[in-house]
N, C-alpha and C. Protein backbone atom coordinates (compact mmCIF):
# COMPACT_ATOMS: atom_id res chain seq x y z
N MET A 1 0.82 -1.20 0.00
CA MET A 1 0.00 0.00 0.00
C MET A 1 0.86 1.26 0.00
N GLY A 2 2.00 1.25 0.68
CA GLY A 2 2.88 2.39 0.78
C GLY A 2 3.45 2.81 -0.56
N LYS A 3 3.78 1.81 -1.44
CA LYS A 3 4.34 2.14 -2.76
C LYS A 3 3.28 2.82 -3.64
N TRP A 4 2.01 2.37 -3.55
CA TRP A 4 0.95 2.98 -4.35
C TRP A 4 0.70 4.43 -3.93
N LYS A 5 0.77 4.68 -2.63
CA LYS A 5 0.59 6.05 -2.14
C LYS A 5 1.73 6.94 -2.63
N GLU A 6 2.95 6.42 -2.57
CA GLU A 6 4.09 7.18 -3.05
C GLU A 6 3.99 7.44 -4.55
N LEU A 7 3.58 6.43 -5.32
CA LEU A 7 3.40 6.58 -6.76
C LEU A 7 2.31 7.62 -7.05
N TRP A 8 1.20 7.56 -6.32
CA TRP A 8 0.12 8.54 -6.50
C TRP A 8 0.62 9.95 -6.17
N ASP A 9 1.38 10.11 -5.09
CA ASP A 9 1.91 11.42 -4.71
C ASP A 9 2.80 11.99 -5.82
N TRP A 10 3.66 11.17 -6.38
CA TRP A 10 4.53 11.60 -7.48
C TRP A 10 3.70 11.98 -8.70
N THR A 11 2.75 11.14 -9.07
CA THR A 11 1.90 11.39 -10.24
C THR A 11 1.12 12.69 -10.06
N ARG A 12 0.54 12.88 -8.88
CA ARG A 12 -0.23 14.09 -8.61
C ARG A 12 0.68 15.33 -8.69
N SER A 13 1.86 15.25 -8.14
CA SER A 13 2.80 16.38 -8.18
C SER A 13 3.18 16.73 -9.62
N ILE A 14 3.43 15.73 -10.43
CA ILE A 14 3.79 15.96 -11.84
C ILE A 14 2.61 16.57 -12.59
N LEU A 15 1.41 16.07 -12.36
CA LEU A 15 0.22 16.62 -13.03
C LEU A 15 -0.01 18.07 -12.64
N ILE A 16 0.15 18.38 -11.37
CA ILE A 16 -0.02 19.76 -10.92
C ILE A 16 1.02 20.66 -11.59
N ALA A 17 2.27 20.21 -11.66
CA ALA A 17 3.33 21.00 -12.31
C ALA A 17 3.02 21.24 -13.78
N VAL A 18 2.56 20.21 -14.47
CA VAL A 18 2.23 20.34 -15.90
C VAL A 18 1.07 21.31 -16.09
N ILE A 19 0.04 21.18 -15.28
CA ILE A 19 -1.12 22.08 -15.39
C ILE A 19 -0.71 23.52 -15.10
N LEU A 20 0.09 23.74 -14.07
CA LEU A 20 0.57 25.09 -13.78
C LEU A 20 1.40 25.66 -14.93
N ALA A 21 2.27 24.85 -15.50
CA ALA A 21 3.09 25.31 -16.63
C ALA A 21 2.22 25.70 -17.81
N LEU A 22 1.20 24.89 -18.10
CA LEU A 22 0.30 25.21 -19.21
C LEU A 22 -0.48 26.49 -18.94
N LEU A 23 -0.97 26.66 -17.72
CA LEU A 23 -1.71 27.88 -17.39
C LEU A 23 -0.82 29.12 -17.49
N ILE A 24 0.41 29.02 -17.01
CA ILE A 24 1.35 30.14 -17.11
C ILE A 24 1.60 30.49 -18.56
N ARG A 25 1.81 29.46 -19.40
CA ARG A 25 2.07 29.70 -20.83
C ARG A 25 0.85 30.28 -21.53
N MET A 26 -0.34 29.81 -21.17
CA MET A 26 -1.56 30.29 -21.83
C MET A 26 -1.90 31.73 -21.46
N PHE A 27 -1.68 32.10 -20.21
CA PHE A 27 -2.20 33.38 -19.74
C PHE A 27 -1.16 34.41 -19.32
N LEU A 28 0.04 34.00 -18.96
CA LEU A 28 0.99 34.97 -18.40
C LEU A 28 2.21 35.23 -19.28
N PHE A 29 2.97 34.20 -19.59
CA PHE A 29 4.22 34.37 -20.33
C PHE A 29 4.33 33.33 -21.43
N GLU A 30 5.03 33.70 -22.49
CA GLU A 30 5.28 32.76 -23.56
C GLU A 30 6.68 33.01 -24.13
N VAL A 31 7.29 31.96 -24.59
CA VAL A 31 8.63 32.04 -25.20
C VAL A 31 8.47 32.17 -26.71
N PHE A 32 9.24 33.08 -27.30
CA PHE A 32 9.26 33.24 -28.75
C PHE A 32 10.71 33.20 -29.22
N VAL A 33 10.90 32.70 -30.42
CA VAL A 33 12.22 32.65 -31.05
C VAL A 33 12.28 33.74 -32.11
N VAL A 34 13.35 34.52 -32.11
CA VAL A 34 13.53 35.57 -33.11
C VAL A 34 13.91 34.92 -34.43
N GLU A 35 13.10 35.18 -35.45
CA GLU A 35 13.38 34.67 -36.79
C GLU A 35 13.58 35.87 -37.70
N GLY A 36 14.70 35.92 -38.35
CA GLY A 36 14.99 37.03 -39.24
C GLY A 36 15.79 38.12 -38.54
N LYS A 37 16.09 39.17 -39.32
CA LYS A 37 16.98 40.23 -38.83
C LYS A 37 16.28 41.57 -38.71
N SER A 38 14.96 41.61 -38.72
CA SER A 38 14.25 42.88 -38.75
C SER A 38 14.37 43.69 -37.46
N MET A 39 14.77 43.07 -36.35
CA MET A 39 14.89 43.79 -35.09
C MET A 39 16.35 43.98 -34.65
N TYR A 40 17.30 43.69 -35.56
CA TYR A 40 18.71 43.89 -35.24
C TYR A 40 18.98 45.38 -35.13
N PRO A 41 19.75 45.88 -34.21
CA PRO A 41 20.63 45.21 -33.26
C PRO A 41 19.98 44.86 -31.91
N THR A 42 18.72 45.25 -31.70
CA THR A 42 18.08 44.94 -30.42
C THR A 42 17.95 43.45 -30.20
N LEU A 43 17.51 42.74 -31.23
CA LEU A 43 17.33 41.29 -31.15
C LEU A 43 18.06 40.63 -32.30
N ALA A 44 18.76 39.56 -31.99
CA ALA A 44 19.49 38.82 -33.01
C ALA A 44 18.73 37.54 -33.35
N GLU A 45 18.92 37.10 -34.58
CA GLU A 45 18.25 35.89 -35.05
C GLU A 45 18.58 34.71 -34.12
N THR A 46 17.61 33.90 -33.85
CA THR A 46 17.62 32.69 -33.00
C THR A 46 17.65 32.98 -31.49
N GLU A 47 17.68 34.25 -31.09
CA GLU A 47 17.56 34.51 -29.65
C GLU A 47 16.16 34.11 -29.20
N ARG A 48 16.08 33.70 -27.94
CA ARG A 48 14.79 33.34 -27.36
C ARG A 48 14.44 34.39 -26.32
N LEU A 49 13.17 34.81 -26.36
CA LEU A 49 12.75 35.86 -25.46
C LEU A 49 11.44 35.51 -24.78
N MET A 50 11.26 36.12 -23.62
CA MET A 50 10.03 35.97 -22.87
C MET A 50 9.10 37.12 -23.21
N VAL A 51 7.83 36.80 -23.37
CA VAL A 51 6.82 37.80 -23.69
C VAL A 51 5.76 37.80 -22.59
N ASN A 52 5.51 38.98 -22.05
CA ASN A 52 4.48 39.15 -21.04
C ASN A 52 3.14 39.26 -21.75
N LYS A 53 2.29 38.25 -21.58
CA LYS A 53 1.01 38.19 -22.30
C LYS A 53 -0.11 38.95 -21.59
N ILE A 54 0.09 39.30 -20.34
CA ILE A 54 -0.99 39.90 -19.57
C ILE A 54 -0.88 41.41 -19.46
N VAL A 55 0.28 41.97 -19.75
CA VAL A 55 0.55 43.39 -19.52
C VAL A 55 -0.47 44.30 -20.19
N TYR A 56 -0.90 43.99 -21.40
CA TYR A 56 -1.80 44.89 -22.12
C TYR A 56 -3.26 44.72 -21.73
N HIS A 57 -3.52 43.86 -20.76
CA HIS A 57 -4.86 43.82 -20.17
C HIS A 57 -4.99 44.91 -19.10
N PHE A 58 -3.85 45.44 -18.64
CA PHE A 58 -3.84 46.44 -17.58
C PHE A 58 -3.24 47.77 -18.02
N ASP A 59 -2.55 47.79 -19.14
CA ASP A 59 -1.86 48.98 -19.59
C ASP A 59 -1.94 49.04 -21.12
N GLU A 60 -1.75 50.22 -21.65
CA GLU A 60 -1.77 50.40 -23.10
C GLU A 60 -0.35 50.28 -23.65
N PRO A 61 -0.22 49.82 -24.90
CA PRO A 61 1.11 49.82 -25.53
C PRO A 61 1.63 51.26 -25.61
N ARG A 62 2.96 51.38 -25.48
CA ARG A 62 3.60 52.69 -25.51
C ARG A 62 4.69 52.71 -26.58
N PRO A 63 4.96 53.89 -27.12
CA PRO A 63 6.08 53.98 -28.06
C PRO A 63 7.36 53.46 -27.40
N GLY A 64 8.07 52.62 -28.15
CA GLY A 64 9.29 52.01 -27.65
C GLY A 64 9.10 50.57 -27.23
N ASP A 65 7.87 50.15 -26.92
CA ASP A 65 7.63 48.75 -26.54
C ASP A 65 7.99 47.82 -27.68
N VAL A 66 8.66 46.73 -27.37
CA VAL A 66 8.91 45.67 -28.35
C VAL A 66 7.79 44.66 -28.15
N ILE A 67 6.99 44.47 -29.20
CA ILE A 67 5.80 43.65 -29.08
C ILE A 67 5.85 42.44 -30.02
N VAL A 68 5.05 41.46 -29.68
CA VAL A 68 4.81 40.33 -30.57
C VAL A 68 3.34 40.39 -30.94
N PHE A 69 3.06 40.27 -32.23
CA PHE A 69 1.68 40.25 -32.69
C PHE A 69 1.52 39.20 -33.78
N GLU A 70 0.27 38.78 -33.95
CA GLU A 70 -0.02 37.79 -34.98
C GLU A 70 -0.22 38.53 -36.30
N TYR A 71 0.70 38.28 -37.23
CA TYR A 71 0.62 38.91 -38.55
C TYR A 71 -0.45 38.21 -39.39
N GLU A 72 -0.40 36.91 -39.37
CA GLU A 72 -1.41 36.08 -40.03
C GLU A 72 -1.44 34.78 -39.23
N PRO A 73 -2.48 33.98 -39.38
CA PRO A 73 -2.56 32.75 -38.57
C PRO A 73 -1.28 31.91 -38.69
N GLY A 74 -0.69 31.60 -37.54
CA GLY A 74 0.51 30.79 -37.51
C GLY A 74 1.80 31.54 -37.76
N ARG A 75 1.72 32.87 -37.93
CA ARG A 75 2.93 33.66 -38.20
C ARG A 75 2.92 34.92 -37.33
N ASP A 76 3.87 34.98 -36.41
CA ASP A 76 3.98 36.12 -35.51
C ASP A 76 5.14 37.02 -35.93
N PHE A 77 4.99 38.31 -35.67
CA PHE A 77 6.03 39.29 -35.93
C PHE A 77 6.45 39.92 -34.61
N ILE A 78 7.72 40.30 -34.55
CA ILE A 78 8.27 41.05 -33.42
C ILE A 78 8.69 42.41 -33.98
N LYS A 79 8.11 43.47 -33.44
CA LYS A 79 8.41 44.83 -33.91
C LYS A 79 8.38 45.79 -32.73
N ARG A 80 8.74 47.04 -33.00
CA ARG A 80 8.74 48.08 -31.98
C ARG A 80 7.58 49.04 -32.24
N VAL A 81 6.84 49.38 -31.19
CA VAL A 81 5.76 50.36 -31.29
C VAL A 81 6.39 51.74 -31.48
N ILE A 82 5.94 52.42 -32.51
CA ILE A 82 6.42 53.78 -32.79
C ILE A 82 5.29 54.78 -32.54
N GLY A 83 4.10 54.47 -33.02
CA GLY A 83 2.97 55.37 -32.84
C GLY A 83 1.76 54.63 -32.30
N VAL A 84 1.00 55.30 -31.45
CA VAL A 84 -0.23 54.74 -30.89
C VAL A 84 -1.41 55.53 -31.44
N GLU A 85 -2.62 55.08 -31.13
CA GLU A 85 -3.80 55.72 -31.70
C GLU A 85 -3.80 57.23 -31.49
N GLY A 86 -4.14 57.93 -32.58
CA GLY A 86 -4.17 59.39 -32.53
C GLY A 86 -2.86 60.06 -32.90
N ASP A 87 -1.75 59.31 -32.91
CA ASP A 87 -0.46 59.89 -33.28
C ASP A 87 -0.39 60.10 -34.79
N GLN A 88 0.21 61.22 -35.19
CA GLN A 88 0.51 61.43 -36.60
C GLN A 88 1.94 60.95 -36.83
N VAL A 89 2.10 59.99 -37.72
CA VAL A 89 3.41 59.41 -38.01
C VAL A 89 3.87 59.87 -39.38
N GLU A 90 5.13 60.30 -39.44
CA GLU A 90 5.69 60.70 -40.72
C GLU A 90 7.17 60.33 -40.73
N ILE A 91 7.64 59.88 -41.88
CA ILE A 91 9.06 59.62 -42.08
C ILE A 91 9.51 60.51 -43.22
N LYS A 92 10.47 61.37 -42.94
CA LYS A 92 11.01 62.23 -44.00
C LYS A 92 12.49 62.44 -43.77
N ASN A 93 13.21 62.42 -44.86
CA ASN A 93 14.67 62.56 -44.83
C ASN A 93 15.32 61.56 -43.88
N GLY A 94 14.75 60.37 -43.80
CA GLY A 94 15.34 59.30 -42.99
C GLY A 94 15.04 59.38 -41.50
N LEU A 95 14.21 60.34 -41.08
CA LEU A 95 13.87 60.47 -39.66
C LEU A 95 12.39 60.23 -39.43
N VAL A 96 12.07 59.67 -38.26
CA VAL A 96 10.69 59.44 -37.88
C VAL A 96 10.21 60.63 -37.06
N TYR A 97 9.02 61.11 -37.39
CA TYR A 97 8.38 62.19 -36.65
C TYR A 97 7.05 61.71 -36.12
N ILE A 98 6.82 61.96 -34.84
CA ILE A 98 5.53 61.67 -34.21
C ILE A 98 4.94 63.01 -33.81
N ASN A 99 3.76 63.29 -34.34
CA ASN A 99 3.10 64.58 -34.06
C ASN A 99 4.04 65.75 -34.34
N GLU A 100 4.75 65.63 -35.46
CA GLU A 100 5.66 66.65 -35.98
C GLU A 100 6.90 66.87 -35.12
N GLN A 101 7.17 65.97 -34.19
CA GLN A 101 8.36 66.04 -33.34
C GLN A 101 9.29 64.88 -33.71
N PRO A 102 10.61 65.12 -33.80
CA PRO A 102 11.53 64.02 -34.09
C PRO A 102 11.42 62.95 -32.99
N PHE A 103 11.39 61.72 -33.41
CA PHE A 103 11.27 60.59 -32.48
C PHE A 103 12.66 60.04 -32.21
N GLU A 104 13.10 60.14 -30.95
CA GLU A 104 14.43 59.69 -30.57
C GLU A 104 14.48 58.16 -30.57
N GLU A 105 15.47 57.60 -31.26
CA GLU A 105 15.60 56.14 -31.36
C GLU A 105 17.04 55.72 -31.10
N PRO A 106 17.45 55.68 -29.83
CA PRO A 106 18.84 55.37 -29.51
C PRO A 106 19.24 53.92 -29.82
N TYR A 107 18.29 53.06 -30.05
CA TYR A 107 18.55 51.64 -30.31
C TYR A 107 18.93 51.36 -31.75
N LEU A 108 18.82 52.34 -32.64
CA LEU A 108 19.12 52.13 -34.05
C LEU A 108 20.61 52.25 -34.33
N ASN A 109 21.07 51.50 -35.35
CA ASN A 109 22.42 51.70 -35.86
C ASN A 109 22.47 53.03 -36.60
N GLU A 110 23.65 53.57 -36.74
CA GLU A 110 23.79 54.82 -37.49
C GLU A 110 23.50 54.58 -38.97
N ASP A 111 23.26 55.66 -39.68
CA ASP A 111 23.06 55.63 -41.13
C ASP A 111 21.88 54.75 -41.54
N VAL A 112 20.75 54.95 -40.90
CA VAL A 112 19.54 54.23 -41.26
C VAL A 112 18.87 54.98 -42.40
N PHE A 113 18.63 54.28 -43.50
CA PHE A 113 17.94 54.90 -44.63
C PHE A 113 16.50 54.42 -44.65
N MET A 114 15.57 55.36 -44.78
CA MET A 114 14.16 55.01 -44.90
C MET A 114 13.52 55.89 -45.96
N TYR A 115 12.63 55.29 -46.73
CA TYR A 115 11.85 56.07 -47.68
C TYR A 115 10.86 56.94 -46.91
N ASP A 116 10.47 58.03 -47.52
CA ASP A 116 9.48 58.90 -46.89
C ASP A 116 8.15 58.15 -46.77
N TYR A 117 7.42 58.51 -45.72
CA TYR A 117 6.13 57.89 -45.43
C TYR A 117 5.23 58.93 -44.77
N GLY A 118 3.97 58.91 -45.14
CA GLY A 118 2.98 59.74 -44.46
C GLY A 118 3.03 61.19 -44.87
N PRO A 119 2.45 62.03 -44.03
CA PRO A 119 1.96 61.75 -42.68
C PRO A 119 0.64 60.96 -42.68
N GLU A 120 0.53 60.07 -41.70
CA GLU A 120 -0.67 59.27 -41.48
C GLU A 120 -1.00 59.31 -39.99
N VAL A 121 -2.29 59.31 -39.68
CA VAL A 121 -2.73 59.28 -38.28
C VAL A 121 -3.10 57.85 -37.93
N VAL A 122 -2.58 57.37 -36.80
CA VAL A 122 -2.86 56.00 -36.35
C VAL A 122 -4.31 55.95 -35.88
N PRO A 123 -5.12 55.05 -36.49
CA PRO A 123 -6.53 54.98 -36.10
C PRO A 123 -6.74 54.39 -34.70
N PRO A 124 -7.90 54.65 -34.09
CA PRO A 124 -8.20 54.08 -32.77
C PRO A 124 -8.10 52.56 -32.78
N GLY A 125 -7.46 52.01 -31.74
CA GLY A 125 -7.32 50.57 -31.61
C GLY A 125 -6.18 49.97 -32.41
N TYR A 126 -5.35 50.81 -33.00
CA TYR A 126 -4.25 50.35 -33.84
C TYR A 126 -2.92 50.93 -33.38
N LEU A 127 -1.84 50.34 -33.90
CA LEU A 127 -0.48 50.79 -33.62
C LEU A 127 0.29 50.92 -34.93
N PHE A 128 1.28 51.80 -34.93
CA PHE A 128 2.23 51.88 -36.03
C PHE A 128 3.53 51.28 -35.51
N VAL A 129 4.03 50.25 -36.19
CA VAL A 129 5.22 49.53 -35.71
C VAL A 129 6.29 49.52 -36.79
N LEU A 130 7.55 49.51 -36.33
CA LEU A 130 8.70 49.41 -37.22
C LEU A 130 9.68 48.40 -36.64
N GLY A 131 10.43 47.76 -37.52
CA GLY A 131 11.55 46.94 -37.08
C GLY A 131 12.74 47.85 -36.83
N ASP A 132 13.65 47.44 -35.97
CA ASP A 132 14.82 48.26 -35.69
C ASP A 132 15.83 48.25 -36.84
N HIS A 133 15.82 47.22 -37.65
CA HIS A 133 16.68 47.14 -38.83
C HIS A 133 15.83 47.54 -40.03
N ARG A 134 15.68 48.83 -40.22
CA ARG A 134 14.68 49.39 -41.13
C ARG A 134 14.83 48.94 -42.58
N GLN A 135 16.06 48.65 -43.01
CA GLN A 135 16.26 48.23 -44.40
C GLN A 135 15.79 46.79 -44.62
N ASN A 136 15.58 46.05 -43.55
CA ASN A 136 15.24 44.64 -43.67
C ASN A 136 14.06 44.33 -42.76
N SER A 137 12.98 45.10 -42.88
CA SER A 137 11.84 44.92 -42.00
C SER A 137 10.52 45.10 -42.74
N MET A 138 9.69 44.09 -42.65
CA MET A 138 8.32 44.19 -43.15
C MET A 138 7.48 44.68 -41.98
N ASP A 139 7.07 45.96 -42.03
CA ASP A 139 6.42 46.57 -40.88
C ASP A 139 5.27 47.46 -41.35
N SER A 140 4.85 48.41 -40.54
CA SER A 140 3.68 49.23 -40.87
C SER A 140 3.84 50.07 -42.12
N ARG A 141 5.06 50.28 -42.58
CA ARG A 141 5.25 51.01 -43.85
C ARG A 141 4.78 50.19 -45.03
N ASP A 142 4.78 48.88 -44.87
CA ASP A 142 4.39 47.96 -45.94
C ASP A 142 2.86 47.81 -45.92
N PRO A 143 2.19 48.04 -47.05
CA PRO A 143 0.73 47.94 -47.06
C PRO A 143 0.20 46.55 -46.68
N ARG A 144 1.04 45.51 -46.80
CA ARG A 144 0.59 44.17 -46.39
C ARG A 144 0.48 44.07 -44.88
N VAL A 145 1.19 44.92 -44.15
CA VAL A 145 1.13 44.94 -42.68
C VAL A 145 0.26 46.10 -42.22
N GLY A 146 0.62 47.30 -42.66
CA GLY A 146 -0.14 48.49 -42.28
C GLY A 146 -0.19 48.70 -40.78
N PHE A 147 -1.21 49.41 -40.34
CA PHE A 147 -1.40 49.60 -38.90
C PHE A 147 -1.77 48.26 -38.30
N VAL A 148 -1.29 48.00 -37.08
CA VAL A 148 -1.51 46.71 -36.41
C VAL A 148 -2.63 46.87 -35.39
N SER A 149 -3.65 46.03 -35.52
CA SER A 149 -4.75 46.05 -34.57
C SER A 149 -4.28 45.55 -33.21
N GLN A 150 -4.67 46.26 -32.16
CA GLN A 150 -4.31 45.82 -30.82
C GLN A 150 -4.96 44.48 -30.47
N ASP A 151 -5.99 44.08 -31.21
CA ASP A 151 -6.62 42.78 -31.00
C ASP A 151 -5.66 41.63 -31.32
N TYR A 152 -4.63 41.90 -32.14
CA TYR A 152 -3.68 40.85 -32.54
C TYR A 152 -2.42 40.80 -31.68
N LEU A 153 -2.36 41.68 -30.66
CA LEU A 153 -1.18 41.67 -29.79
C LEU A 153 -1.12 40.39 -28.98
N LYS A 154 0.07 39.81 -28.93
CA LYS A 154 0.30 38.65 -28.07
C LYS A 154 0.96 39.08 -26.77
N GLY A 155 1.69 40.19 -26.79
CA GLY A 155 2.30 40.68 -25.57
C GLY A 155 3.53 41.52 -25.83
N ARG A 156 4.17 41.93 -24.72
CA ARG A 156 5.38 42.76 -24.79
C ARG A 156 6.60 41.92 -24.43
N ALA A 157 7.59 41.95 -25.30
CA ALA A 157 8.85 41.25 -25.03
C ALA A 157 9.58 41.99 -23.94
N PHE A 158 10.12 41.24 -22.96
CA PHE A 158 10.78 41.93 -21.86
C PHE A 158 12.11 41.32 -21.46
N PHE A 159 12.41 40.09 -21.88
CA PHE A 159 13.65 39.46 -21.42
C PHE A 159 14.16 38.46 -22.45
N ILE A 160 15.44 38.57 -22.80
CA ILE A 160 16.11 37.59 -23.66
C ILE A 160 16.85 36.64 -22.74
N PHE A 161 16.57 35.34 -22.88
CA PHE A 161 17.20 34.39 -21.97
C PHE A 161 18.10 33.38 -22.67
N TRP A 162 18.12 33.38 -24.02
CA TRP A 162 18.97 32.43 -24.72
C TRP A 162 19.52 33.07 -25.97
N PRO A 163 20.77 32.92 -26.23
CA PRO A 163 21.78 32.18 -25.48
C PRO A 163 22.09 32.85 -24.14
N LEU A 164 22.50 32.03 -23.20
CA LEU A 164 22.70 32.50 -21.83
C LEU A 164 23.66 33.69 -21.75
N TRP A 165 24.73 33.68 -22.53
CA TRP A 165 25.72 34.76 -22.47
C TRP A 165 25.17 36.07 -23.06
N GLU A 166 24.01 36.02 -23.69
CA GLU A 166 23.37 37.23 -24.22
C GLU A 166 22.13 37.61 -23.42
N ALA A 167 21.88 36.98 -22.28
CA ALA A 167 20.69 37.26 -21.47
C ALA A 167 20.67 38.72 -21.06
N ARG A 168 19.49 39.35 -21.21
CA ARG A 168 19.36 40.76 -20.86
C ARG A 168 17.89 41.17 -20.87
N VAL A 169 17.62 42.27 -20.21
CA VAL A 169 16.30 42.87 -20.22
C VAL A 169 16.17 43.72 -21.48
N ILE A 170 15.02 43.68 -22.11
CA ILE A 170 14.78 44.50 -23.30
C ILE A 170 14.30 45.86 -22.85
N ASP A 171 15.06 46.88 -23.18
CA ASP A 171 14.73 48.25 -22.79
C ASP A 171 13.73 48.82 -23.78
N SER A 172 12.62 49.32 -23.26
CA SER A 172 11.62 49.89 -24.15
C SER A 172 11.40 51.38 -23.89
N GLU A 173 12.25 51.96 -23.08
CA GLU A 173 12.10 53.38 -22.75
C GLU A 173 12.58 54.25 -23.91
N VAL A 174 11.72 55.16 -24.33
CA VAL A 174 12.10 56.18 -25.31
C VAL A 174 11.58 57.51 -24.79
N GLU A 175 12.10 58.58 -25.37
CA GLU A 175 11.65 59.91 -24.94
C GLU A 175 10.18 60.09 -25.28
N SER A 176 9.43 60.57 -24.33
CA SER A 176 7.99 60.77 -24.52
C SER A 176 7.73 62.23 -24.92
N PHE A 177 6.69 62.43 -25.71
CA PHE A 177 6.34 63.78 -26.14
C PHE A 177 5.05 64.26 -25.50
N GLU A 178 4.63 63.60 -24.42
CA GLU A 178 3.37 63.98 -23.77
C GLU A 178 3.56 65.18 -22.87
C-alpha cells in the first residue's frame, strides 16, 4: 500500500506541475524565437525571449515597446511600437516624426535609410510599428502589414534568456512627447 501512495503522490505532483506550466504559458508568459533580422541590433536571429502576455490587459502599448503580434494565422512578428492611436506618423529625410516632433531612437544603428512615409494618423485601436533594422523589416510602412490592430497583440517582449551569455532585459524606454 505504501508504494501505491508514493506513486500517487509523485503522479499528482507531476500533473499539478504540468497544469501550472500550461496555465502560465496560456495566460501569463510565452517564449518566442527571433526569426529574421528585422529587429537587429536589439534582437538577433535565434535569440529566445520571454513575452508578457498579460501586460496589455492592464496597460496600453507605448512607443518604444517591443511587441509580438499575430501577422497572419501561424505567423507572428516582433516589432517596436512607434505610434499609438491618434499619433501622426511621418518619415522624412530618414527620420521618424511623431506629431511633428523628431522621435528619438537610440537603439538604431547609425546611417539608417528610410523612404518617406505619411503623414498618417494612427486609427483608434491600432499601432504603427517598425523593425529596428529598417532596411530589412516588413512593418507598418508595408501595405501588407499596415497599422496593427491591438486585438492581434500577443504581448510585450521583456527578457532575452537564450543564449545564456546574451541574457538581458529588453529596454523599451524612449523619450515621450506627452
